[in-house]
Amino acid sequence: MTNPYTWLEPSLATIHKANWYRSVQTITSQPGAVVQLQGREVINFASNDYLGLTGDQRLIEAAVAATKAYGTGCTGSRLLTGHRELHQQLEQAIASLKQTEDALVFSSGYLANLGTIAAVVGKRDLILADQYNHSSLKNGAILSRALVLDYAHNNMADLANQLAQHRQQYRRCLIITDSIFSMDGGLCPLPEILAIAHEFNCMVLVDEAHATGVLGATGAGCVEYFGCTGQTLIQVGTLSKALGSLGGYVAGSAILIDFLRNRAPSWIYTTGLSPADTAAALAAVKIVQQEPERRTRLHNNVNTLKGLIQQQLKRLQLLPSDSPILCLPLVDATAAVKLREQLQAAGIFVPAIRPPTVPTSRLRISVMATHELDHLKQLVSYLASTT
């Protein structure tokens, strides 16, 4: 008999040959602008901890206190034994931040997207999705069994044309998009999307994973940044980036949230978010609201780094970005991996992002509020000496 797993070895060899192979690297310190990676101190430009809250003592203390009070886990789904008062407090805090009627906390942002999309549309419905959407949005669309049509990245004419051709043939329609696209840092044109949605009677789901805590006057995200607060839409996000914890959320109308409690499979059939993660996220939301200077420092660092790159790296052109994610495109995966390794040898940690995650290879630089000016200068100085 033949071995049904023999295909694995040649498939993995193909990944290696294309320079697409990935492996983990161990961090042995607390997260921050400088970390211990593989036993060496490096400047960290690979983290989504945009506000530097993951190592904040207040989050740590909140997590420890919640663990002592409620234990290490929730023991079951929230409809059975998993619900805690902390969950409701966090949901109220998120709804207050987002200025929505209610919110629902999931065990990850990925699960929030899977469950929400699968709940609000089905096999008689239509999804229009930005072609550069995150994997969780793409897989949520597949799980829903709706017809999924991609529109060209941020191309509103293509979105409108496809709706004009197909919308009337389907019961419900959902437009889904990231707010900040995680692999280039650009923003979706949310006001235009909402206008098109209104014209064609569509729902809109926007994933605020990389915008929550980062954009908007109060850190509420892209919706606030574009002045769209109060408009009817579905806001999804994560607690694991600027909020320094783990988990995901959906924010929207009270009736939407009540419906998801009864129909979102990735909430109904999943153990509730741990007390430690819940309490840490709750502490983070309060800090986001009370300490706007963190966002100011973050955006100052972003603008400073952009200026240094423009001054000293004239041969390299950043991809358009209005966020703390700055990407330097490179010719291919080999060049990206080589430059990443050179930077790491020099004590600078920047990830290389390659196909199939993105269409073209690049270095993805994540800026944090806790980066110092010298960190930014060291990155640009080394890039200038090697490119």
Foldseek 3Di string as FASTA:
>chain_A
DDDPCPVVVVVVVVCVVQLNDDDDWDWDDQDDQWTQINNRIFGEQPALQFLRQQPPVVLVVLLVVLCVVPNFFQPFFCVPRRDDPLQQLLFVLLCVLLVAATKHWFQALLLVLLQLLLQPAALQEEEEEAPLADPSNVVSPVNNNHHYDYFYHLDLVRVLVVLVVPLVSGDAYEYEYEQQRQQAAAGRPVVSVVVSCVVSVHAYEYEFASQQLAAAPLRSGDCRNVVNRPDAHKYKYFCVGNLNAGTIMIGGHPVSVVSSCVGRCSNRGDRHHTSSRSSSSSVSSVCSRVPVVSNVLSVVQQVLLVVLCVVQVVVWDWRDHPGQKIKTFDQRSVVQVVVQVVSVVVRYHWDWDHPPSDPGIITIGGTHSRDDPVSSVVVSVVVSVPD
